[in-house]
Amino acid sequence: MKKIKPRSGFTLIEILVVISIIGLLVAAGLASFTNSQKRARDTKRRADLKSIQTAMEQYYEDHSYAYPTNLNDLNSYFPNNAWPVGPKEESYTSGFTSNATSYSKAVVLESGPTVTIRNLQ
């Protein structure tokens, strides 16, 4: 009697199951990575706004309790004498309002609400 030799290798069903499981894992990892990137960019925006707020308050203290009316006057309060640039190269000077008694700037976050900084008066 002949012995039937078992075939070596995988069946088509086994290969398709493995490919689908790998696909699901990649999709879940990619979604998580995308959310992490959004949170990281939002954290940078919050930190940049905090540094702008700190610079405004330092200017206020140094210049007889008045905020700058020309935003270029504030450059020396930042590293490299330049305003921070957002994570997607956005400018924080656009939409920034400042006069001698007040200032305001709002930034829309990717994964949350709008953040606004204002003078503390």
N, C-alpha and C. Protein backbone atom coordinates (compact mmCIF):
# COMPACT_ATOMS: atom_id res chain seq x y z
N MET A 1 0.83 -1.16 0.00
CA MET A 1 0.00 0.00 0.00
C MET A 1 0.89 1.24 0.00
N LYS A 2 0.52 2.20 -0.81
CA LYS A 2 1.30 3.42 -0.92
C LYS A 2 0.94 4.39 0.18
N LYS A 3 1.96 4.99 0.72
CA LYS A 3 1.70 6.06 1.68
C LYS A 3 1.52 7.36 0.92
N ILE A 4 0.50 8.09 1.32
CA ILE A 4 0.29 9.39 0.70
C ILE A 4 1.14 10.41 1.46
N LYS A 5 1.95 11.07 0.73
CA LYS A 5 2.84 12.05 1.33
C LYS A 5 2.08 13.36 1.51
N PRO A 6 2.07 13.91 2.74
CA PRO A 6 1.37 15.18 2.92
C PRO A 6 2.09 16.29 2.16
N ARG A 7 1.28 17.21 1.67
CA ARG A 7 1.85 18.33 0.92
C ARG A 7 2.41 19.35 1.89
N SER A 8 3.51 19.94 1.52
CA SER A 8 4.05 21.00 2.35
C SER A 8 3.59 22.33 1.76
N GLY A 9 3.41 23.35 2.64
CA GLY A 9 2.98 24.67 2.17
C GLY A 9 1.67 25.06 2.83
N PHE A 10 1.20 26.22 2.45
CA PHE A 10 -0.03 26.75 3.04
C PHE A 10 -1.14 26.73 2.01
N THR A 11 -2.36 26.64 2.51
CA THR A 11 -3.50 26.71 1.62
C THR A 11 -3.83 28.16 1.33
N LEU A 12 -4.60 28.38 0.32
CA LEU A 12 -5.00 29.74 -0.06
C LEU A 12 -5.76 30.42 1.07
N ILE A 13 -6.60 29.70 1.75
CA ILE A 13 -7.39 30.26 2.86
C ILE A 13 -6.46 30.73 3.98
N GLU A 14 -5.48 29.93 4.32
CA GLU A 14 -4.54 30.31 5.38
C GLU A 14 -3.78 31.58 5.02
N ILE A 15 -3.36 31.69 3.80
CA ILE A 15 -2.63 32.88 3.35
C ILE A 15 -3.54 34.11 3.40
N LEU A 16 -4.77 33.97 2.95
CA LEU A 16 -5.71 35.10 2.97
C LEU A 16 -6.03 35.56 4.39
N VAL A 17 -6.15 34.62 5.31
CA VAL A 17 -6.41 34.97 6.71
C VAL A 17 -5.23 35.74 7.28
N VAL A 18 -4.03 35.29 7.03
CA VAL A 18 -2.84 35.98 7.54
C VAL A 18 -2.73 37.38 6.94
N ILE A 19 -2.96 37.52 5.66
CA ILE A 19 -2.89 38.84 5.01
C ILE A 19 -3.94 39.78 5.57
N SER A 20 -5.15 39.28 5.82
CA SER A 20 -6.19 40.15 6.36
C SER A 20 -5.87 40.58 7.80
N ILE A 21 -5.30 39.71 8.58
CA ILE A 21 -4.91 40.07 9.96
C ILE A 21 -3.80 41.13 9.92
N ILE A 22 -2.83 40.95 9.06
CA ILE A 22 -1.75 41.94 8.93
C ILE A 22 -2.33 43.29 8.48
N GLY A 23 -3.26 43.26 7.55
CA GLY A 23 -3.91 44.49 7.08
C GLY A 23 -4.63 45.23 8.20
N LEU A 24 -5.34 44.49 9.06
CA LEU A 24 -6.04 45.10 10.18
C LEU A 24 -5.06 45.73 11.17
N LEU A 25 -3.96 45.04 11.44
CA LEU A 25 -2.95 45.58 12.36
C LEU A 25 -2.31 46.85 11.80
N VAL A 26 -2.03 46.87 10.52
CA VAL A 26 -1.44 48.06 9.89
C VAL A 26 -2.43 49.22 9.95
N ALA A 27 -3.69 48.98 9.66
CA ALA A 27 -4.70 50.04 9.68
C ALA A 27 -4.85 50.62 11.09
N ALA A 28 -4.87 49.78 12.10
CA ALA A 28 -4.99 50.25 13.48
C ALA A 28 -3.75 51.05 13.88
N GLY A 29 -2.58 50.60 13.50
CA GLY A 29 -1.35 51.33 13.83
C GLY A 29 -1.28 52.67 13.12
N LEU A 30 -1.70 52.72 11.87
CA LEU A 30 -1.68 53.97 11.11
C LEU A 30 -2.64 55.00 11.70
N ALA A 31 -3.82 54.56 12.10
CA ALA A 31 -4.79 55.48 12.73
C ALA A 31 -4.23 56.04 14.03
N SER A 32 -3.61 55.21 14.81
CA SER A 32 -3.02 55.65 16.07
C SER A 32 -1.87 56.62 15.83
N PHE A 33 -1.05 56.35 14.83
CA PHE A 33 0.08 57.21 14.50
C PHE A 33 -0.41 58.58 14.03
N THR A 34 -1.46 58.62 13.22
CA THR A 34 -2.02 59.88 12.74
C THR A 34 -2.53 60.72 13.89
N ASN A 35 -3.23 60.11 14.84
CA ASN A 35 -3.72 60.85 16.00
C ASN A 35 -2.57 61.37 16.86
N SER A 36 -1.52 60.58 16.99
CA SER A 36 -0.36 61.02 17.75
C SER A 36 0.30 62.24 17.10
N GLN A 37 0.38 62.25 15.78
CA GLN A 37 0.95 63.39 15.08
C GLN A 37 0.11 64.65 15.30
N LYS A 38 -1.20 64.52 15.26
CA LYS A 38 -2.09 65.67 15.49
C LYS A 38 -1.88 66.23 16.89
N ARG A 39 -1.82 65.34 17.87
CA ARG A 39 -1.63 65.79 19.26
C ARG A 39 -0.28 66.47 19.43
N ALA A 40 0.74 65.96 18.76
CA ALA A 40 2.08 66.57 18.85
C ALA A 40 2.08 67.97 18.23
N ARG A 41 1.42 68.13 17.09
CA ARG A 41 1.36 69.46 16.47
C ARG A 41 0.57 70.43 17.35
N ASP A 42 -0.52 69.96 17.96
CA ASP A 42 -1.30 70.81 18.86
C ASP A 42 -0.50 71.20 20.10
N THR A 43 0.31 70.29 20.61
CA THR A 43 1.16 70.60 21.76
C THR A 43 2.17 71.68 21.39
N LYS A 44 2.73 71.61 20.18
CA LYS A 44 3.66 72.65 19.73
C LYS A 44 2.94 73.99 19.61
N ARG A 45 1.72 73.99 19.08
CA ARG A 45 0.97 75.24 18.96
C ARG A 45 0.71 75.86 20.34
N ARG A 46 0.33 75.02 21.30
CA ARG A 46 0.09 75.54 22.66
C ARG A 46 1.37 76.13 23.26
N ALA A 47 2.49 75.44 23.06
CA ALA A 47 3.77 75.93 23.59
C ALA A 47 4.17 77.24 22.92
N ASP A 48 3.94 77.33 21.61
CA ASP A 48 4.25 78.57 20.90
C ASP A 48 3.39 79.73 21.40
N LEU A 49 2.11 79.46 21.62
CA LEU A 49 1.23 80.51 22.15
C LEU A 49 1.66 80.95 23.54
N LYS A 50 2.10 80.00 24.34
CA LYS A 50 2.57 80.34 25.68
C LYS A 50 3.82 81.22 25.60
N SER A 51 4.73 80.91 24.66
CA SER A 51 5.93 81.74 24.53
C SER A 51 5.58 83.13 24.01
N ILE A 52 4.59 83.24 23.13
CA ILE A 52 4.14 84.55 22.66
C ILE A 52 3.53 85.34 23.82
N GLN A 53 2.73 84.68 24.61
CA GLN A 53 2.12 85.34 25.76
C GLN A 53 3.19 85.81 26.75
N THR A 54 4.18 84.99 27.00
CA THR A 54 5.27 85.37 27.90
C THR A 54 6.04 86.56 27.33
N ALA A 55 6.32 86.54 26.03
CA ALA A 55 7.03 87.66 25.40
C ALA A 55 6.22 88.95 25.49
N MET A 56 4.91 88.85 25.29
CA MET A 56 4.05 90.04 25.40
C MET A 56 4.09 90.61 26.81
N GLU A 57 4.04 89.75 27.79
CA GLU A 57 4.05 90.22 29.17
C GLU A 57 5.42 90.80 29.55
N GLN A 58 6.49 90.21 29.03
CA GLN A 58 7.83 90.78 29.28
C GLN A 58 7.95 92.15 28.64
N TYR A 59 7.47 92.28 27.41
CA TYR A 59 7.50 93.58 26.73
C TYR A 59 6.70 94.60 27.54
N TYR A 60 5.54 94.19 28.01
CA TYR A 60 4.67 95.06 28.80
C TYR A 60 5.40 95.59 30.04
N GLU A 61 6.13 94.73 30.71
CA GLU A 61 6.89 95.13 31.90
C GLU A 61 8.06 96.05 31.53
N ASP A 62 8.73 95.77 30.42
CA ASP A 62 9.92 96.52 30.03
C ASP A 62 9.62 97.88 29.40
N HIS A 63 8.42 98.09 28.91
CA HIS A 63 8.10 99.31 28.16
C HIS A 63 6.95 100.09 28.80
N SER A 64 7.11 100.41 30.03
CA SER A 64 6.18 101.30 30.75
C SER A 64 4.73 100.82 30.70
N TYR A 65 4.57 99.54 30.83
CA TYR A 65 3.23 98.94 30.92
C TYR A 65 2.37 99.25 29.70
N ALA A 66 2.96 99.00 28.56
CA ALA A 66 2.23 99.13 27.29
C ALA A 66 2.63 97.96 26.39
N TYR A 67 1.66 97.39 25.71
CA TYR A 67 1.93 96.30 24.77
C TYR A 67 2.43 96.88 23.45
N PRO A 68 3.15 96.10 22.66
CA PRO A 68 3.66 96.64 21.39
C PRO A 68 2.54 96.87 20.39
N THR A 69 2.63 97.96 19.65
CA THR A 69 1.67 98.20 18.57
C THR A 69 2.22 97.66 17.25
N ASN A 70 3.54 97.56 17.15
CA ASN A 70 4.19 96.95 15.99
C ASN A 70 4.74 95.59 16.44
N LEU A 71 4.26 94.53 15.85
CA LEU A 71 4.65 93.19 16.31
C LEU A 71 6.13 92.89 16.06
N ASN A 72 6.77 93.61 15.15
CA ASN A 72 8.21 93.40 14.93
C ASN A 72 9.02 93.83 16.15
N ASP A 73 8.46 94.73 16.97
CA ASP A 73 9.15 95.14 18.20
C ASP A 73 9.32 93.98 19.17
N LEU A 74 8.53 92.95 18.99
CA LEU A 74 8.55 91.81 19.90
C LEU A 74 9.60 90.76 19.52
N ASN A 75 10.20 90.89 18.34
CA ASN A 75 11.15 89.88 17.84
C ASN A 75 12.27 89.60 18.82
N SER A 76 12.79 90.61 19.48
CA SER A 76 13.95 90.41 20.35
C SER A 76 13.61 89.58 21.59
N TYR A 77 12.34 89.30 21.83
CA TYR A 77 11.94 88.51 22.99
C TYR A 77 11.85 87.01 22.67
N PHE A 78 12.14 86.65 21.41
CA PHE A 78 12.09 85.25 20.99
C PHE A 78 13.49 84.77 20.66
N PRO A 79 13.74 83.46 20.77
CA PRO A 79 15.04 82.92 20.33
C PRO A 79 15.23 83.21 18.84
N ASN A 80 16.44 83.48 18.45
CA ASN A 80 16.81 83.79 17.06
C ASN A 80 16.14 85.07 16.55
N ASN A 81 15.64 85.90 17.46
CA ASN A 81 14.99 87.16 17.10
C ASN A 81 13.91 87.00 16.05
N ALA A 82 13.13 85.95 16.15
CA ALA A 82 12.05 85.71 15.20
C ALA A 82 10.87 85.06 15.90
N TRP A 83 9.70 85.39 15.44
CA TRP A 83 8.48 84.78 15.99
C TRP A 83 8.52 83.28 15.79
N PRO A 84 7.89 82.52 16.70
CA PRO A 84 7.79 81.07 16.47
C PRO A 84 6.99 80.78 15.20
N VAL A 85 7.30 79.68 14.56
CA VAL A 85 6.57 79.25 13.37
C VAL A 85 5.86 77.96 13.73
N GLY A 86 4.60 77.84 13.33
CA GLY A 86 3.80 76.67 13.67
C GLY A 86 4.32 75.40 13.04
N PRO A 87 3.81 74.25 13.48
CA PRO A 87 4.31 72.96 12.99
C PRO A 87 4.05 72.72 11.51
N LYS A 88 3.09 73.41 10.94
CA LYS A 88 2.85 73.29 9.50
C LYS A 88 3.22 74.60 8.81
N GLU A 89 4.27 75.24 9.35
CA GLU A 89 4.80 76.49 8.82
C GLU A 89 3.76 77.62 8.84
N GLU A 90 2.79 77.55 9.75
CA GLU A 90 1.83 78.64 9.83
C GLU A 90 2.41 79.80 10.63
N SER A 91 1.99 80.99 10.28
CA SER A 91 2.48 82.20 10.94
C SER A 91 1.55 82.58 12.07
N TYR A 92 2.14 82.88 13.23
CA TYR A 92 1.32 83.31 14.36
C TYR A 92 1.06 84.81 14.34
N THR A 93 1.74 85.54 13.45
CA THR A 93 1.51 86.98 13.40
C THR A 93 0.22 87.30 12.66
N SER A 94 -0.22 86.44 11.75
CA SER A 94 -1.47 86.70 11.06
C SER A 94 -2.63 86.52 12.03
N GLY A 95 -3.51 87.47 12.04
CA GLY A 95 -4.65 87.42 12.95
C GLY A 95 -4.32 87.81 14.37
N PHE A 96 -3.10 88.25 14.60
CA PHE A 96 -2.69 88.68 15.93
C PHE A 96 -2.99 90.16 16.05
N THR A 97 -3.77 90.54 17.04
CA THR A 97 -4.08 91.96 17.24
C THR A 97 -3.40 92.44 18.51
N SER A 98 -2.85 93.64 18.43
CA SER A 98 -2.17 94.20 19.58
C SER A 98 -2.23 95.72 19.50
N ASN A 99 -2.52 96.35 20.63
CA ASN A 99 -2.40 97.79 20.76
C ASN A 99 -1.76 98.05 22.12
N ALA A 100 -1.69 99.28 22.52
CA ALA A 100 -0.97 99.60 23.76
C ALA A 100 -1.60 99.00 25.00
N THR A 101 -2.89 98.67 24.96
CA THR A 101 -3.57 98.19 26.17
C THR A 101 -4.01 96.74 26.12
N SER A 102 -3.97 96.11 24.95
CA SER A 102 -4.44 94.73 24.90
C SER A 102 -3.83 93.97 23.72
N TYR A 103 -3.97 92.66 23.75
CA TYR A 103 -3.58 91.81 22.63
C TYR A 103 -4.47 90.58 22.62
N SER A 104 -4.55 89.93 21.45
CA SER A 104 -5.37 88.73 21.33
C SER A 104 -4.90 87.92 20.12
N LYS A 105 -4.91 86.61 20.28
CA LYS A 105 -4.58 85.69 19.20
C LYS A 105 -5.29 84.37 19.45
N ALA A 106 -5.94 83.86 18.44
CA ALA A 106 -6.62 82.56 18.54
C ALA A 106 -5.99 81.60 17.54
N VAL A 107 -5.86 80.35 17.95
CA VAL A 107 -5.32 79.30 17.08
C VAL A 107 -6.27 78.11 17.15
N VAL A 108 -6.64 77.59 16.00
CA VAL A 108 -7.51 76.42 15.93
C VAL A 108 -6.64 75.18 16.00
N LEU A 109 -6.95 74.29 16.92
CA LEU A 109 -6.20 73.05 17.06
C LEU A 109 -6.81 71.97 16.17
N GLU A 110 -6.00 71.01 15.79
CA GLU A 110 -6.48 69.92 14.93
C GLU A 110 -7.35 68.93 15.68
N SER A 111 -7.03 68.69 16.94
CA SER A 111 -7.75 67.65 17.68
C SER A 111 -8.47 68.21 18.90
N GLY A 112 -8.93 69.43 18.80
CA GLY A 112 -9.60 69.99 19.96
C GLY A 112 -10.13 71.38 19.70
N PRO A 113 -10.43 72.12 20.75
CA PRO A 113 -11.04 73.44 20.59
C PRO A 113 -10.02 74.49 20.18
N THR A 114 -10.51 75.68 19.91
CA THR A 114 -9.66 76.83 19.62
C THR A 114 -9.03 77.34 20.91
N VAL A 115 -7.76 77.69 20.84
CA VAL A 115 -7.05 78.24 22.00
C VAL A 115 -6.82 79.73 21.73
N THR A 116 -7.15 80.57 22.72
CA THR A 116 -6.99 82.01 22.58
C THR A 116 -6.12 82.53 23.71
N ILE A 117 -5.19 83.43 23.36
CA ILE A 117 -4.43 84.12 24.39
C ILE A 117 -4.85 85.59 24.36
N ARG A 118 -4.92 86.20 25.53
CA ARG A 118 -5.30 87.60 25.67
C ARG A 118 -4.47 88.20 26.78
N ASN A 119 -4.51 89.54 26.84
CA ASN A 119 -3.83 90.17 27.96
C ASN A 119 -4.53 89.82 29.26
N LEU A 120 -3.80 89.90 30.33
CA LEU A 120 -4.29 89.47 31.62
C LEU A 120 -5.08 90.54 32.37
N GLN A 121 -5.21 91.74 31.78
CA GLN A 121 -5.92 92.83 32.46
C GLN A 121 -7.40 92.50 32.61
